[in-house]
């Protein structure tokens, strides 16, 4: 089965072939590298931009308003912060022009911890991005969802921020997940078809599978595990950890329902509502810093909507409020939620009685 980065690359190839993608670009996005995580390797429309994040975002706005369909990459989200005013312009253009101008651009960028990237390559962007109205925002946790969300992003007339959790980009999907439509069953065959060899790549060309359309609707979550005692809502890197913790705690008699949000805006409040009204307890988990966290918004809404139905206060488990993440394994693991801390939070919430 494809890894997430292979799934993203196949989605972009499908976008070139069938959805009118005109430019996939950014720093080191074109040949020979094809992106630092190989997300654009072998794409026909991929090209290298200057090392200029403002230029990358500004050019994408211009291309989109000019009728093109760009997919721009910011190499690491840590370097997107100097484009905030341009992201705001992209987000408010349709509103400001009363619908006369749409901005159908996709910005993809790797986010989060998990690769020992230290203080300059480990930032999250969840809360900051949800503060910019006008954007749709997605973050997958499986290759199939990455493929479907990328196609949805390409098709959307609005600007879409596609956040790629770095720690999951080269991880194989869970066994129960489905193949990407058109993907060969043998992962070695797929690698031979779409992964460039080491060394000289000047004559190499990918052999794309006969990929099919598959769209994950932006704004729709996914129940990854059914449960009856409490609800755990997560996305991105922490979602597989929440799922693993819930499966292990089932042996202790704790039945947690795990929701993969997949989209941060819009988000699936209907799914959260149905789950919390069943379990009467909810834990939100992500790795962004805990102060002014996106999960805090969800906690606030849970209190407002379910105050008289909750059997315990909603909880948030998030990253520590630190200027950055250290390089050492121990520092990184202490900075953001891990399996043990997630399991402890679930166990503690399950034990609370009204």
C-alpha atoms as a PDB file:
ATOM      1  CA  UNK A   1       0.000   0.000   0.000  1.00  0.00           C
ATOM      2  CA  UNK A   2       1.131   3.532  -0.750  1.00  0.00           C
ATOM      3  CA  UNK A   3       2.676   5.775   1.848  1.00  0.00           C
ATOM      4  CA  UNK A   4       1.100   9.165   2.422  1.00  0.00           C
ATOM      5  CA  UNK A   5       3.716  10.986   0.374  1.00  0.00           C
ATOM      6  CA  UNK A   6       3.208   8.564  -2.523  1.00  0.00           C
ATOM      7  CA  UNK A   7      -0.543   9.131  -2.231  1.00  0.00           C
ATOM      8  CA  UNK A   8      -0.089  12.901  -2.397  1.00  0.00           C
ATOM      9  CA  UNK A   9       2.165  12.552  -5.428  1.00  0.00           C
ATOM     10  CA  UNK A  10      -0.374  10.322  -7.193  1.00  0.00           C
ATOM     11  CA  UNK A  11      -3.151  12.785  -6.402  1.00  0.00           C
ATOM     12  CA  UNK A  12      -1.131  15.599  -7.946  1.00  0.00           C
ATOM     13  CA  UNK A  13      -0.452  13.452 -11.010  1.00  0.00           C
ATOM     14  CA  UNK A  14      -4.193  12.788 -11.315  1.00  0.00           C
ATOM     15  CA  UNK A  15      -4.763  16.511 -10.920  1.00  0.00           C
ATOM     16  CA  UNK A  16      -2.411  17.245 -13.796  1.00  0.00           C
ATOM     17  CA  UNK A  17      -4.062  14.662 -16.026  1.00  0.00           C
ATOM     18  CA  UNK A  18      -7.736  15.259 -15.253  1.00  0.00           C
ATOM     19  CA  UNK A  19      -8.361  18.334 -13.092  1.00  0.00           C
ATOM     20  CA  UNK A  20      -6.430  21.076 -14.847  1.00  0.00           C
ATOM     21  CA  UNK A  21      -3.535  21.546 -12.409  1.00  0.00           C
ATOM     22  CA  UNK A  22      -1.204  23.938 -14.189  1.00  0.00           C
ATOM     23  CA  UNK A  23       1.675  24.491 -11.777  1.00  0.00           C
ATOM     24  CA  UNK A  24       3.133  22.503  -8.887  1.00  0.00           C
ATOM     25  CA  UNK A  25       5.983  24.584  -7.570  1.00  0.00           C
ATOM     26  CA  UNK A  26       8.074  25.678  -4.616  1.00  0.00           C
ATOM     27  CA  UNK A  27      11.596  25.361  -3.298  1.00  0.00           C
ATOM     28  CA  UNK A  28      13.232  22.177  -4.698  1.00  0.00           C
ATOM     29  CA  UNK A  29       9.813  21.001  -5.922  1.00  0.00           C
ATOM     30  CA  UNK A  30      10.930  20.474  -9.528  1.00  0.00           C
ATOM     31  CA  UNK A  31      13.562  18.066 -10.845  1.00  0.00           C
ATOM     32  CA  UNK A  32      15.819  16.534  -9.836  1.00  0.00           C
ATOM     33  CA  UNK A  33      14.705  16.454  -6.190  1.00  0.00           C
ATOM     34  CA  UNK A  34      10.923  16.569  -6.506  1.00  0.00           C
ATOM     35  CA  UNK A  35      10.465  18.113  -3.056  1.00  0.00           C
ATOM     36  CA  UNK A  36      12.333  17.426   0.175  1.00  0.00           C
ATOM     37  CA  UNK A  37       9.821  14.645   0.905  1.00  0.00           C
ATOM     38  CA  UNK A  38       9.527  13.624  -2.812  1.00  0.00           C
ATOM     39  CA  UNK A  39       5.913  14.816  -2.997  1.00  0.00           C
ATOM     40  CA  UNK A  40       6.296  16.202  -6.515  1.00  0.00           C
ATOM     41  CA  UNK A  41       8.777  13.765  -8.009  1.00  0.00           C
ATOM     42  CA  UNK A  42       8.052  13.055 -11.679  1.00  0.00           C
ATOM     43  CA  UNK A  43       5.208  15.546 -12.098  1.00  0.00           C
ATOM     44  CA  UNK A  44       4.970  17.242 -15.487  1.00  0.00           C
ATOM     45  CA  UNK A  45       4.106  20.690 -14.151  1.00  0.00           C
ATOM     46  CA  UNK A  46       6.574  20.746 -11.231  1.00  0.00           C
ATOM     47  CA  UNK A  47       9.162  23.514 -11.183  1.00  0.00           C
ATOM     48  CA  UNK A  48      11.591  25.138  -8.772  1.00  0.00           C
ATOM     49  CA  UNK A  49      10.839  28.567  -7.363  1.00  0.00           C
ATOM     50  CA  UNK A  50      13.318  30.944  -5.778  1.00  0.00           C
ATOM     51  CA  UNK A  51      13.809  30.657  -2.027  1.00  0.00           C
ATOM     52  CA  UNK A  52      11.053  33.201  -1.371  1.00  0.00           C
ATOM     53  CA  UNK A  53       7.933  32.189   0.550  1.00  0.00           C
ATOM     54  CA  UNK A  54       6.200  35.512  -0.098  1.00  0.00           C
ATOM     55  CA  UNK A  55       6.892  35.133  -3.786  1.00  0.00           C
ATOM     56  CA  UNK A  56       5.499  31.587  -3.745  1.00  0.00           C
ATOM     57  CA  UNK A  57       2.204  32.600  -2.121  1.00  0.00           C
ATOM     58  CA  UNK A  58       1.857  35.869  -4.036  1.00  0.00           C
ATOM     59  CA  UNK A  59       2.484  34.133  -7.356  1.00  0.00           C
ATOM     60  CA  UNK A  60      -0.110  31.467  -6.512  1.00  0.00           C
ATOM     61  CA  UNK A  61      -2.711  34.170  -5.866  1.00  0.00           C
ATOM     62  CA  UNK A  62      -1.928  35.754  -9.222  1.00  0.00           C
ATOM     63  CA  UNK A  63      -2.049  32.432 -11.080  1.00  0.00           C
ATOM     64  CA  UNK A  64      -5.365  31.485  -9.466  1.00  0.00           C
ATOM     65  CA  UNK A  65      -6.983  34.840 -10.200  1.00  0.00           C
ATOM     66  CA  UNK A  66      -5.669  34.590 -13.749  1.00  0.00           C
ATOM     67  CA  UNK A  67      -7.526  31.328 -14.388  1.00  0.00           C
ATOM     68  CA  UNK A  68      -4.775  28.834 -13.610  1.00  0.00           C
ATOM     69  CA  UNK A  69      -4.896  26.098 -10.975  1.00  0.00           C
ATOM     70  CA  UNK A  70      -1.668  26.170  -8.937  1.00  0.00           C
ATOM     71  CA  UNK A  71      -0.487  23.919  -6.121  1.00  0.00           C
ATOM     72  CA  UNK A  72       2.215  25.795  -4.241  1.00  0.00           C
ATOM     73  CA  UNK A  73       4.441  24.234  -1.607  1.00  0.00           C
ATOM     74  CA  UNK A  74       6.031  25.940   1.375  1.00  0.00           C
ATOM     75  CA  UNK A  75       8.915  23.584   2.101  1.00  0.00           C
ATOM     76  CA  UNK A  76       8.322  23.614   5.882  1.00  0.00           C
ATOM     77  CA  UNK A  77       5.478  25.394   7.617  1.00  0.00           C
ATOM     78  CA  UNK A  78       8.004  27.087   9.910  1.00  0.00           C
ATOM     79  CA  UNK A  79       8.733  29.465   7.016  1.00  0.00           C
ATOM     80  CA  UNK A  80       5.151  30.345   6.111  1.00  0.00           C
ATOM     81  CA  UNK A  81       4.732  32.911   8.886  1.00  0.00           C
ATOM     82  CA  UNK A  82       6.140  35.779   6.811  1.00  0.00           C
ATOM     83  CA  UNK A  83       3.285  35.264   4.319  1.00  0.00           C
ATOM     84  CA  UNK A  84       0.409  35.759   6.783  1.00  0.00           C
ATOM     85  CA  UNK A  85      -0.805  38.984   5.155  1.00  0.00           C
ATOM     86  CA  UNK A  86      -0.856  37.282   1.736  1.00  0.00           C
ATOM     87  CA  UNK A  87      -2.746  34.293   3.128  1.00  0.00           C
ATOM     88  CA  UNK A  88      -5.275  36.794   4.492  1.00  0.00           C
ATOM     89  CA  UNK A  89      -5.657  38.377   1.043  1.00  0.00           C
ATOM     90  CA  UNK A  90      -6.178  34.967  -0.569  1.00  0.00           C
ATOM     91  CA  UNK A  91      -8.812  34.175   2.056  1.00  0.00           C
ATOM     92  CA  UNK A  92     -10.800  37.385   1.837  1.00  0.00           C
ATOM     93  CA  UNK A  93     -10.772  38.015  -1.920  1.00  0.00           C
ATOM     94  CA  UNK A  94     -13.990  36.162  -2.761  1.00  0.00           C
ATOM     95  CA  UNK A  95     -15.803  37.823   0.142  1.00  0.00           C
ATOM     96  CA  UNK A  96     -14.373  41.259  -0.638  1.00  0.00           C
ATOM     97  CA  UNK A  97     -15.417  41.047  -4.302  1.00  0.00           C
ATOM     98  CA  UNK A  98     -18.908  39.701  -3.532  1.00  0.00           C
ATOM     99  CA  UNK A  99     -18.048  36.488  -5.347  1.00  0.00           C
ATOM    100  CA  UNK A 100     -16.713  38.073  -8.523  1.00  0.00           C
ATOM    101  CA  UNK A 101     -13.218  36.657  -7.972  1.00  0.00           C
ATOM    102  CA  UNK A 102     -12.389  33.191  -6.677  1.00  0.00           C
ATOM    103  CA  UNK A 103      -8.919  32.068  -5.690  1.00  0.00           C
ATOM    104  CA  UNK A 104      -8.674  28.322  -6.521  1.00  0.00           C
ATOM    105  CA  UNK A 105      -5.215  27.688  -5.142  1.00  0.00           C
ATOM    106  CA  UNK A 106      -3.811  24.911  -2.966  1.00  0.00           C
ATOM    107  CA  UNK A 107      -0.951  25.487  -0.557  1.00  0.00           C
ATOM    108  CA  UNK A 108       0.624  22.323   0.780  1.00  0.00           C
ATOM    109  CA  UNK A 109       3.158  22.338   3.576  1.00  0.00           C
ATOM    110  CA  UNK A 110       4.669  19.786   5.995  1.00  0.00           C
ATOM    111  CA  UNK A 111       3.734  20.398   9.625  1.00  0.00           C
ATOM    112  CA  UNK A 112       4.454  19.117  13.100  1.00  0.00           C
ATOM    113  CA  UNK A 113       7.067  17.095  14.905  1.00  0.00           C
ATOM    114  CA  UNK A 114       8.272  13.542  14.521  1.00  0.00           C
ATOM    115  CA  UNK A 115      11.366  13.839  12.312  1.00  0.00           C
ATOM    116  CA  UNK A 116      13.741  15.379  14.884  1.00  0.00           C
ATOM    117  CA  UNK A 117      13.533  18.706  13.068  1.00  0.00           C
ATOM    118  CA  UNK A 118      14.297  20.808  16.138  1.00  0.00           C
ATOM    119  CA  UNK A 119      13.179  24.426  16.436  1.00  0.00           C
ATOM    120  CA  UNK A 120      13.175  25.339  12.728  1.00  0.00           C
ATOM    121  CA  UNK A 121      11.401  22.319  11.245  1.00  0.00           C
ATOM    122  CA  UNK A 122       8.834  21.189  13.821  1.00  0.00           C
ATOM    123  CA  UNK A 123       6.150  23.863  14.022  1.00  0.00           C
ATOM    124  CA  UNK A 124       2.436  23.217  13.879  1.00  0.00           C
ATOM    125  CA  UNK A 125       0.113  25.653  12.121  1.00  0.00           C
ATOM    126  CA  UNK A 126      -3.344  24.500  13.184  1.00  0.00           C
ATOM    127  CA  UNK A 127      -4.468  27.421  15.326  1.00  0.00           C
ATOM    128  CA  UNK A 128      -2.763  30.103  13.238  1.00  0.00           C
ATOM    129  CA  UNK A 129      -4.385  28.906  10.024  1.00  0.00           C
ATOM    130  CA  UNK A 130      -7.861  28.614  11.529  1.00  0.00           C
ATOM    131  CA  UNK A 131      -7.574  32.300  12.462  1.00  0.00           C
ATOM    132  CA  UNK A 132      -7.566  33.245   8.742  1.00  0.00           C
ATOM    133  CA  UNK A 133     -11.158  33.170   7.409  1.00  0.00           C
ATOM    134  CA  UNK A 134     -11.835  32.262   3.803  1.00  0.00           C
ATOM    135  CA  UNK A 135      -9.587  29.199   3.676  1.00  0.00           C
ATOM    136  CA  UNK A 136     -10.507  25.549   3.823  1.00  0.00           C
ATOM    137  CA  UNK A 137      -7.998  23.615   5.928  1.00  0.00           C
ATOM    138  CA  UNK A 138      -7.277  19.879   5.844  1.00  0.00           C
ATOM    139  CA  UNK A 139      -4.832  17.521   7.533  1.00  0.00           C
ATOM    140  CA  UNK A 140      -4.983  13.793   6.707  1.00  0.00           C
ATOM    141  CA  UNK A 141      -3.768  10.910   8.843  1.00  0.00           C
ATOM    142  CA  UNK A 142      -3.866   8.111   6.232  1.00  0.00           C
ATOM    143  CA  UNK A 143      -2.670   7.824   2.606  1.00  0.00           C
ATOM    144  CA  UNK A 144      -6.189   7.233   1.259  1.00  0.00           C
ATOM    145  CA  UNK A 145      -7.485  10.345   2.994  1.00  0.00           C
ATOM    146  CA  UNK A 146      -4.472  12.302   1.755  1.00  0.00           C
ATOM    147  CA  UNK A 147      -5.294  11.286  -1.823  1.00  0.00           C
ATOM    148  CA  UNK A 148      -8.991  12.105  -1.463  1.00  0.00           C
ATOM    149  CA  UNK A 149      -8.445  15.395   0.342  1.00  0.00           C
ATOM    150  CA  UNK A 150      -5.873  16.556  -2.210  1.00  0.00           C
ATOM    151  CA  UNK A 151      -8.305  15.902  -5.059  1.00  0.00           C
ATOM    152  CA  UNK A 152     -11.017  17.729  -3.139  1.00  0.00           C
ATOM    153  CA  UNK A 153      -8.630  20.644  -2.577  1.00  0.00           C
ATOM    154  CA  UNK A 154      -7.736  20.831  -6.273  1.00  0.00           C
ATOM    155  CA  UNK A 155     -11.406  20.837  -7.281  1.00  0.00           C
ATOM    156  CA  UNK A 156     -12.429  23.490  -4.773  1.00  0.00           C
ATOM    157  CA  UNK A 157     -12.863  27.101  -6.000  1.00  0.00           C
ATOM    158  CA  UNK A 158     -11.605  28.374  -2.638  1.00  0.00           C
ATOM    159  CA  UNK A 159      -8.035  28.505  -1.353  1.00  0.00           C
ATOM    160  CA  UNK A 160      -7.203  25.298   0.517  1.00  0.00           C
ATOM    161  CA  UNK A 161      -4.389  24.753   2.995  1.00  0.00           C
ATOM    162  CA  UNK A 162      -3.225  21.123   2.800  1.00  0.00           C
ATOM    163  CA  UNK A 163      -1.132  20.393   5.880  1.00  0.00           C
ATOM    164  CA  UNK A 164       1.035  17.277   5.632  1.00  0.00           C
ATOM    165  CA  UNK A 165       1.995  15.685   8.976  1.00  0.00           C
ATOM    166  CA  UNK A 166       5.707  15.031   8.527  1.00  0.00           C
ATOM    167  CA  UNK A 167       5.826  12.071  10.889  1.00  0.00           C
ATOM    168  CA  UNK A 168       3.266  10.167   8.782  1.00  0.00           C
ATOM    169  CA  UNK A 169       4.542  10.862   5.278  1.00  0.00           C
ATOM    170  CA  UNK A 170       6.535   7.619   4.946  1.00  0.00           C
ATOM    171  CA  UNK A 171       4.372   5.422   7.180  1.00  0.00           C
ATOM    172  CA  UNK A 172       2.398   2.550   5.671  1.00  0.00           C
ATOM    173  CA  UNK A 173      -1.361   2.783   6.267  1.00  0.00           C
ATOM    174  CA  UNK A 174      -3.224   0.558   8.713  1.00  0.00           C
ATOM    175  CA  UNK A 175      -4.047  -2.887   7.359  1.00  0.00           C
ATOM    176  CA  UNK A 176      -7.773  -2.166   7.363  1.00  0.00           C
ATOM    177  CA  UNK A 177      -7.376   0.899   5.136  1.00  0.00           C
ATOM    178  CA  UNK A 178      -8.286   0.651   1.475  1.00  0.00           C
ATOM    179  CA  UNK A 179      -5.993   0.928  -1.508  1.00  0.00           C
ATOM    180  CA  UNK A 180      -6.019   4.155  -3.447  1.00  0.00           C
ATOM    181  CA  UNK A 181      -8.261   3.578  -6.497  1.00  0.00           C
ATOM    182  CA  UNK A 182      -5.972   2.367  -9.273  1.00  0.00           C
ATOM    183  CA  UNK A 183      -3.010   1.627  -6.995  1.00  0.00           C
ATOM    184  CA  UNK A 184      -1.297  -1.755  -7.534  1.00  0.00           C
ATOM    185  CA  UNK A 185      -1.557  -4.222  -4.662  1.00  0.00           C
ATOM    186  CA  UNK A 186       2.200  -4.736  -4.418  1.00  0.00           C
ATOM    187  CA  UNK A 187       4.017  -1.806  -2.768  1.00  0.00           C
ATOM    188  CA  UNK A 188       7.265  -2.831  -4.473  1.00  0.00           C
ATOM    189  CA  UNK A 189       5.585  -2.591  -7.867  1.00  0.00           C
ATOM    190  CA  UNK A 190       4.280   0.856  -6.977  1.00  0.00           C
ATOM    191  CA  UNK A 191       7.723   1.969  -5.840  1.00  0.00           C
ATOM    192  CA  UNK A 192       9.248   0.805  -9.108  1.00  0.00           C
ATOM    193  CA  UNK A 193       6.573   2.709 -11.040  1.00  0.00           C
ATOM    194  CA  UNK A 194       6.628   6.100  -9.321  1.00  0.00           C
ATOM    195  CA  UNK A 195       9.760   6.421  -7.142  1.00  0.00           C
ATOM    196  CA  UNK A 196      12.864   7.714  -8.904  1.00  0.00           C
ATOM    197  CA  UNK A 197      16.055   5.675  -8.442  1.00  0.00           C
ATOM    198  CA  UNK A 198      19.017   6.977  -6.513  1.00  0.00           C
ATOM    199  CA  UNK A 199      21.734   8.639  -8.532  1.00  0.00           C
ATOM    200  CA  UNK A 200      21.230  10.042 -12.017  1.00  0.00           C
ATOM    201  CA  UNK A 201      17.529  10.742 -12.644  1.00  0.00           C
ATOM    202  CA  UNK A 202      17.885  12.680 -15.880  1.00  0.00           C
ATOM    203  CA  UNK A 203      16.360   9.929 -18.034  1.00  0.00           C
ATOM    204  CA  UNK A 204      13.839   8.630 -15.490  1.00  0.00           C
ATOM    205  CA  UNK A 205      10.123   9.055 -16.012  1.00  0.00           C
ATOM    206  CA  UNK A 206       7.333   7.745 -13.768  1.00  0.00           C
ATOM    207  CA  UNK A 207       4.805   5.175 -14.935  1.00  0.00           C
ATOM    208  CA  UNK A 208       1.654   6.369 -13.198  1.00  0.00           C
ATOM    209  CA  UNK A 209      -0.959   3.738 -12.372  1.00  0.00           C
ATOM    210  CA  UNK A 210      -4.392   4.125 -13.956  1.00  0.00           C
ATOM    211  CA  UNK A 211      -5.550   6.297 -11.102  1.00  0.00           C
ATOM    212  CA  UNK A 212      -9.206   6.970 -10.452  1.00  0.00           C
ATOM    213  CA  UNK A 213     -11.145   9.834  -8.984  1.00  0.00           C
ATOM    214  CA  UNK A 214     -11.693   9.609  -5.233  1.00  0.00           C
ATOM    215  CA  UNK A 215     -12.729  12.586  -3.156  1.00  0.00           C
ATOM    216  CA  UNK A 216     -12.956  13.011   0.598  1.00  0.00           C
ATOM    217  CA  UNK A 217     -15.453  15.786   1.215  1.00  0.00           C
ATOM    218  CA  UNK A 218     -13.813  18.694   3.001  1.00  0.00           C
ATOM    219  CA  UNK A 219     -15.556  19.148   6.325  1.00  0.00           C
ATOM    220  CA  UNK A 220     -16.417  15.489   6.891  1.00  0.00           C
ATOM    221  CA  UNK A 221     -14.726  13.545   9.672  1.00  0.00           C
ATOM    222  CA  UNK A 222     -14.319   9.805  10.004  1.00  0.00           C
ATOM    223  CA  UNK A 223     -15.004   7.526  12.944  1.00  0.00           C
ATOM    224  CA  UNK A 224     -11.872   5.402  13.195  1.00  0.00           C
ATOM    225  CA  UNK A 225     -13.021   3.413  16.228  1.00  0.00           C
ATOM    226  CA  UNK A 226     -16.477   3.064  17.740  1.00  0.00           C
ATOM    227  CA  UNK A 227     -16.801   3.362  21.514  1.00  0.00           C
ATOM    228  CA  UNK A 228     -19.318   4.098  24.225  1.00  0.00           C
ATOM    229  CA  UNK A 229     -17.502   5.627  27.233  1.00  0.00           C
ATOM    230  CA  UNK A 230     -15.768   8.712  25.872  1.00  0.00           C
ATOM    231  CA  UNK A 231     -14.987  10.497  22.610  1.00  0.00           C
ATOM    232  CA  UNK A 232     -11.453  11.293  21.420  1.00  0.00           C
ATOM    233  CA  UNK A 233     -11.164  13.853  18.608  1.00  0.00           C
ATOM    234  CA  UNK A 234      -7.848  14.264  16.794  1.00  0.00           C
ATOM    235  CA  UNK A 235      -6.186  14.605  13.375  1.00  0.00           C
ATOM    236  CA  UNK A 236      -2.777  14.365  11.736  1.00  0.00           C
ATOM    237  CA  UNK A 237       0.182  12.884  13.643  1.00  0.00           C
ATOM    238  CA  UNK A 238      -1.658  12.340  16.919  1.00  0.00           C
ATOM    239  CA  UNK A 239      -4.598  10.476  15.377  1.00  0.00           C
ATOM    240  CA  UNK A 240      -2.816   7.091  14.990  1.00  0.00           C
ATOM    241  CA  UNK A 241      -1.536   7.444  18.556  1.00  0.00           C
ATOM    242  CA  UNK A 242      -5.074   8.074  19.812  1.00  0.00           C
ATOM    243  CA  UNK A 243      -6.287   5.033  17.909  1.00  0.00           C
ATOM    244  CA  UNK A 244      -3.487   2.853  19.285  1.00  0.00           C
ATOM    245  CA  UNK A 245      -4.131   4.066  22.829  1.00  0.00           C
ATOM    246  CA  UNK A 246      -7.866   3.408  22.513  1.00  0.00           C
ATOM    247  CA  UNK A 247      -7.287  -0.111  21.193  1.00  0.00           C
ATOM    248  CA  UNK A 248      -4.861  -0.910  24.026  1.00  0.00           C
ATOM    249  CA  UNK A 249      -7.141   0.532  26.711  1.00  0.00           C
ATOM    250  CA  UNK A 250      -9.992  -1.644  25.505  1.00  0.00           C
ATOM    251  CA  UNK A 251      -8.158  -4.409  27.345  1.00  0.00           C
ATOM    252  CA  UNK A 252      -8.781  -2.452  30.556  1.00  0.00           C
ATOM    253  CA  UNK A 253     -12.468  -2.177  29.779  1.00  0.00           C
ATOM    254  CA  UNK A 254     -12.270   1.412  28.494  1.00  0.00           C
ATOM    255  CA  UNK A 255     -14.204   1.891  25.264  1.00  0.00           C
ATOM    256  CA  UNK A 256     -13.158   5.126  23.541  1.00  0.00           C
ATOM    257  CA  UNK A 257     -14.633   6.359  20.281  1.00  0.00           C
ATOM    258  CA  UNK A 258     -11.950   7.928  18.059  1.00  0.00           C
ATOM    259  CA  UNK A 259     -12.861  10.590  15.501  1.00  0.00           C
ATOM    260  CA  UNK A 260     -10.426  11.660  12.787  1.00  0.00           C
ATOM    261  CA  UNK A 261     -11.439  15.247  12.096  1.00  0.00           C
ATOM    262  CA  UNK A 262      -9.521  15.394   8.764  1.00  0.00           C
ATOM    263  CA  UNK A 263     -10.715  18.974   8.137  1.00  0.00           C
ATOM    264  CA  UNK A 264     -10.083  21.849  10.507  1.00  0.00           C
ATOM    265  CA  UNK A 265     -12.298  24.201   8.530  1.00  0.00           C
ATOM    266  CA  UNK A 266     -15.017  23.460   7.950  1.00  0.00           C
ATOM    267  CA  UNK A 267     -15.094  20.712  10.565  1.00  0.00           C
ATOM    268  CA  UNK A 268     -17.605  17.965  11.257  1.00  0.00           C
ATOM    269  CA  UNK A 269     -19.424  19.235  14.326  1.00  0.00           C
ATOM    270  CA  UNK A 270     -22.380  16.982  13.530  1.00  0.00           C
ATOM    271  CA  UNK A 271     -20.164  13.917  13.960  1.00  0.00           C
ATOM    272  CA  UNK A 272     -18.693  15.252  17.196  1.00  0.00           C
ATOM    273  CA  UNK A 273     -22.181  16.089  18.473  1.00  0.00           C
ATOM    274  CA  UNK A 274     -23.545  12.610  17.809  1.00  0.00           C
ATOM    275  CA  UNK A 275     -20.548  10.993  19.484  1.00  0.00           C
ATOM    276  CA  UNK A 276     -20.472  13.217  22.582  1.00  0.00           C
ATOM    277  CA  UNK A 277     -24.215  12.791  23.121  1.00  0.00           C
ATOM    278  CA  UNK A 278     -23.561   9.049  23.134  1.00  0.00           C
ATOM    279  CA  UNK A 279     -20.483   9.019  25.380  1.00  0.00           C
ATOM    280  CA  UNK A 280     -20.981  12.216  27.452  1.00  0.00           C
ATOM    281  CA  UNK A 281     -17.213  12.795  27.676  1.00  0.00           C
ATOM    282  CA  UNK A 282     -14.757  14.251  25.167  1.00  0.00           C
ATOM    283  CA  UNK A 283     -10.986  14.651  24.828  1.00  0.00           C
ATOM    284  CA  UNK A 284      -9.410  16.756  22.071  1.00  0.00           C
ATOM    285  CA  UNK A 285      -5.823  15.902  21.084  1.00  0.00           C
ATOM    286  CA  UNK A 286      -3.355  17.669  18.808  1.00  0.00           C
ATOM    287  CA  UNK A 287       0.311  18.699  18.866  1.00  0.00           C
ATOM    288  CA  UNK A 288       0.020  22.472  18.416  1.00  0.00           C
ATOM    289  CA  UNK A 289       0.979  24.548  21.455  1.00  0.00           C
ATOM    290  CA  UNK A 290      -1.686  24.517  24.146  1.00  0.00           C
ATOM    291  CA  UNK A 291      -2.194  28.289  24.473  1.00  0.00           C
ATOM    292  CA  UNK A 292      -4.779  29.589  21.981  1.00  0.00           C
ATOM    293  CA  UNK A 293      -5.016  26.081  20.558  1.00  0.00           C
ATOM    294  CA  UNK A 294      -7.610  25.109  17.944  1.00  0.00           C
ATOM    295  CA  UNK A 295      -8.731  22.437  20.387  1.00  0.00           C
ATOM    296  CA  UNK A 296      -9.604  25.193  22.852  1.00  0.00           C
ATOM    297  CA  UNK A 297     -12.206  26.419  20.386  1.00  0.00           C
ATOM    298  CA  UNK A 298     -13.667  22.924  20.256  1.00  0.00           C
ATOM    299  CA  UNK A 299     -13.661  22.715  24.057  1.00  0.00           C
ATOM    300  CA  UNK A 300     -15.521  26.028  24.264  1.00  0.00           C
ATOM    301  CA  UNK A 301     -18.111  24.882  21.762  1.00  0.00           C
ATOM    302  CA  UNK A 302     -18.519  21.550  23.551  1.00  0.00           C
ATOM    303  CA  UNK A 303     -19.209  23.367  26.814  1.00  0.00           C
ATOM    304  CA  UNK A 304     -21.760  25.648  25.178  1.00  0.00           C
ATOM    305  CA  UNK A 305     -23.569  22.878  23.300  1.00  0.00           C
ATOM    306  CA  UNK A 306     -23.361  19.961  25.749  1.00  0.00           C
ATOM    307  CA  UNK A 307     -23.089  21.615  29.185  1.00  0.00           C
ATOM    308  CA  UNK A 308     -26.039  19.732  30.679  1.00  0.00           C
ATOM    309  CA  UNK A 309     -25.185  16.429  28.962  1.00  0.00           C
ATOM    310  CA  UNK A 310     -21.505  16.120  29.876  1.00  0.00           C
ATOM    311  CA  UNK A 311     -20.460  13.836  32.714  1.00  0.00           C
ATOM    312  CA  UNK A 312     -16.988  15.403  32.908  1.00  0.00           C
ATOM    313  CA  UNK A 313     -15.371  18.629  31.775  1.00  0.00           C
ATOM    314  CA  UNK A 314     -14.068  18.502  28.177  1.00  0.00           C
ATOM    315  CA  UNK A 315     -10.319  18.018  28.099  1.00  0.00           C
ATOM    316  CA  UNK A 316      -7.523  19.177  25.774  1.00  0.00           C
ATOM    317  CA  UNK A 317      -4.168  17.417  25.387  1.00  0.00           C
ATOM    318  CA  UNK A 318      -1.799  19.467  23.239  1.00  0.00           C
ATOM    319  CA  UNK A 319       1.817  20.478  22.826  1.00  0.00           C
ATOM    320  CA  UNK A 320       3.677  22.373  25.525  1.00  0.00           C
ATOM    321  CA  UNK A 321       3.754  26.168  25.210  1.00  0.00           C
ATOM    322  CA  UNK A 322       7.408  26.342  24.189  1.00  0.00           C
ATOM    323  CA  UNK A 323       9.309  28.552  21.728  1.00  0.00           C
ATOM    324  CA  UNK A 324      10.399  25.455  19.853  1.00  0.00           C
ATOM    325  CA  UNK A 325      11.020  21.723  20.000  1.00  0.00           C
ATOM    326  CA  UNK A 326      14.431  20.431  20.982  1.00  0.00           C
ATOM    327  CA  UNK A 327      16.565  18.194  18.802  1.00  0.00           C
ATOM    328  CA  UNK A 328      17.115  15.436  21.362  1.00  0.00           C
ATOM    329  CA  UNK A 329      14.555  12.613  21.322  1.00  0.00           C
ATOM    330  CA  UNK A 330      13.698  13.187  24.959  1.00  0.00           C
ATOM    331  CA  UNK A 331      13.049  16.892  24.411  1.00  0.00           C
ATOM    332  CA  UNK A 332      10.882  16.352  21.344  1.00  0.00           C
ATOM    333  CA  UNK A 333       8.840  13.605  22.982  1.00  0.00           C
ATOM    334  CA  UNK A 334       8.307  15.724  26.100  1.00  0.00           C
ATOM    335  CA  UNK A 335       7.088  18.649  23.999  1.00  0.00           C
ATOM    336  CA  UNK A 336       4.128  17.057  22.215  1.00  0.00           C
ATOM    337  CA  UNK A 337       1.581  14.327  23.038  1.00  0.00           C
ATOM    338  CA  UNK A 338       2.891  10.760  22.836  1.00  0.00           C
ATOM    339  CA  UNK A 339       1.225   7.370  23.193  1.00  0.00           C
ATOM    340  CA  UNK A 340       1.743   7.246  26.965  1.00  0.00           C
ATOM    341  CA  UNK A 341       0.383  10.738  27.628  1.00  0.00           C
ATOM    342  CA  UNK A 342      -2.624  10.129  25.383  1.00  0.00           C
ATOM    343  CA  UNK A 343      -3.394   6.821  27.098  1.00  0.00           C
ATOM    344  CA  UNK A 344      -3.079   8.509  30.492  1.00  0.00           C
ATOM    345  CA  UNK A 345      -5.469  11.281  29.456  1.00  0.00           C
ATOM    346  CA  UNK A 346      -8.044   8.776  28.174  1.00  0.00           C
ATOM    347  CA  UNK A 347      -7.741   6.665  31.311  1.00  0.00           C
ATOM    348  CA  UNK A 348      -8.126   9.720  33.565  1.00  0.00           C
ATOM    349  CA  UNK A 349     -11.188  11.012  31.707  1.00  0.00           C
ATOM    350  CA  UNK A 350     -12.825   7.575  31.673  1.00  0.00           C
ATOM    351  CA  UNK A 351     -12.409   7.349  35.451  1.00  0.00           C
ATOM    352  CA  UNK A 352     -14.201  10.633  36.158  1.00  0.00           C
ATOM    353  CA  UNK A 353     -17.690  10.237  37.564  1.00  0.00           C
ATOM    354  CA  UNK A 354     -20.446  12.883  37.549  1.00  0.00           C
END
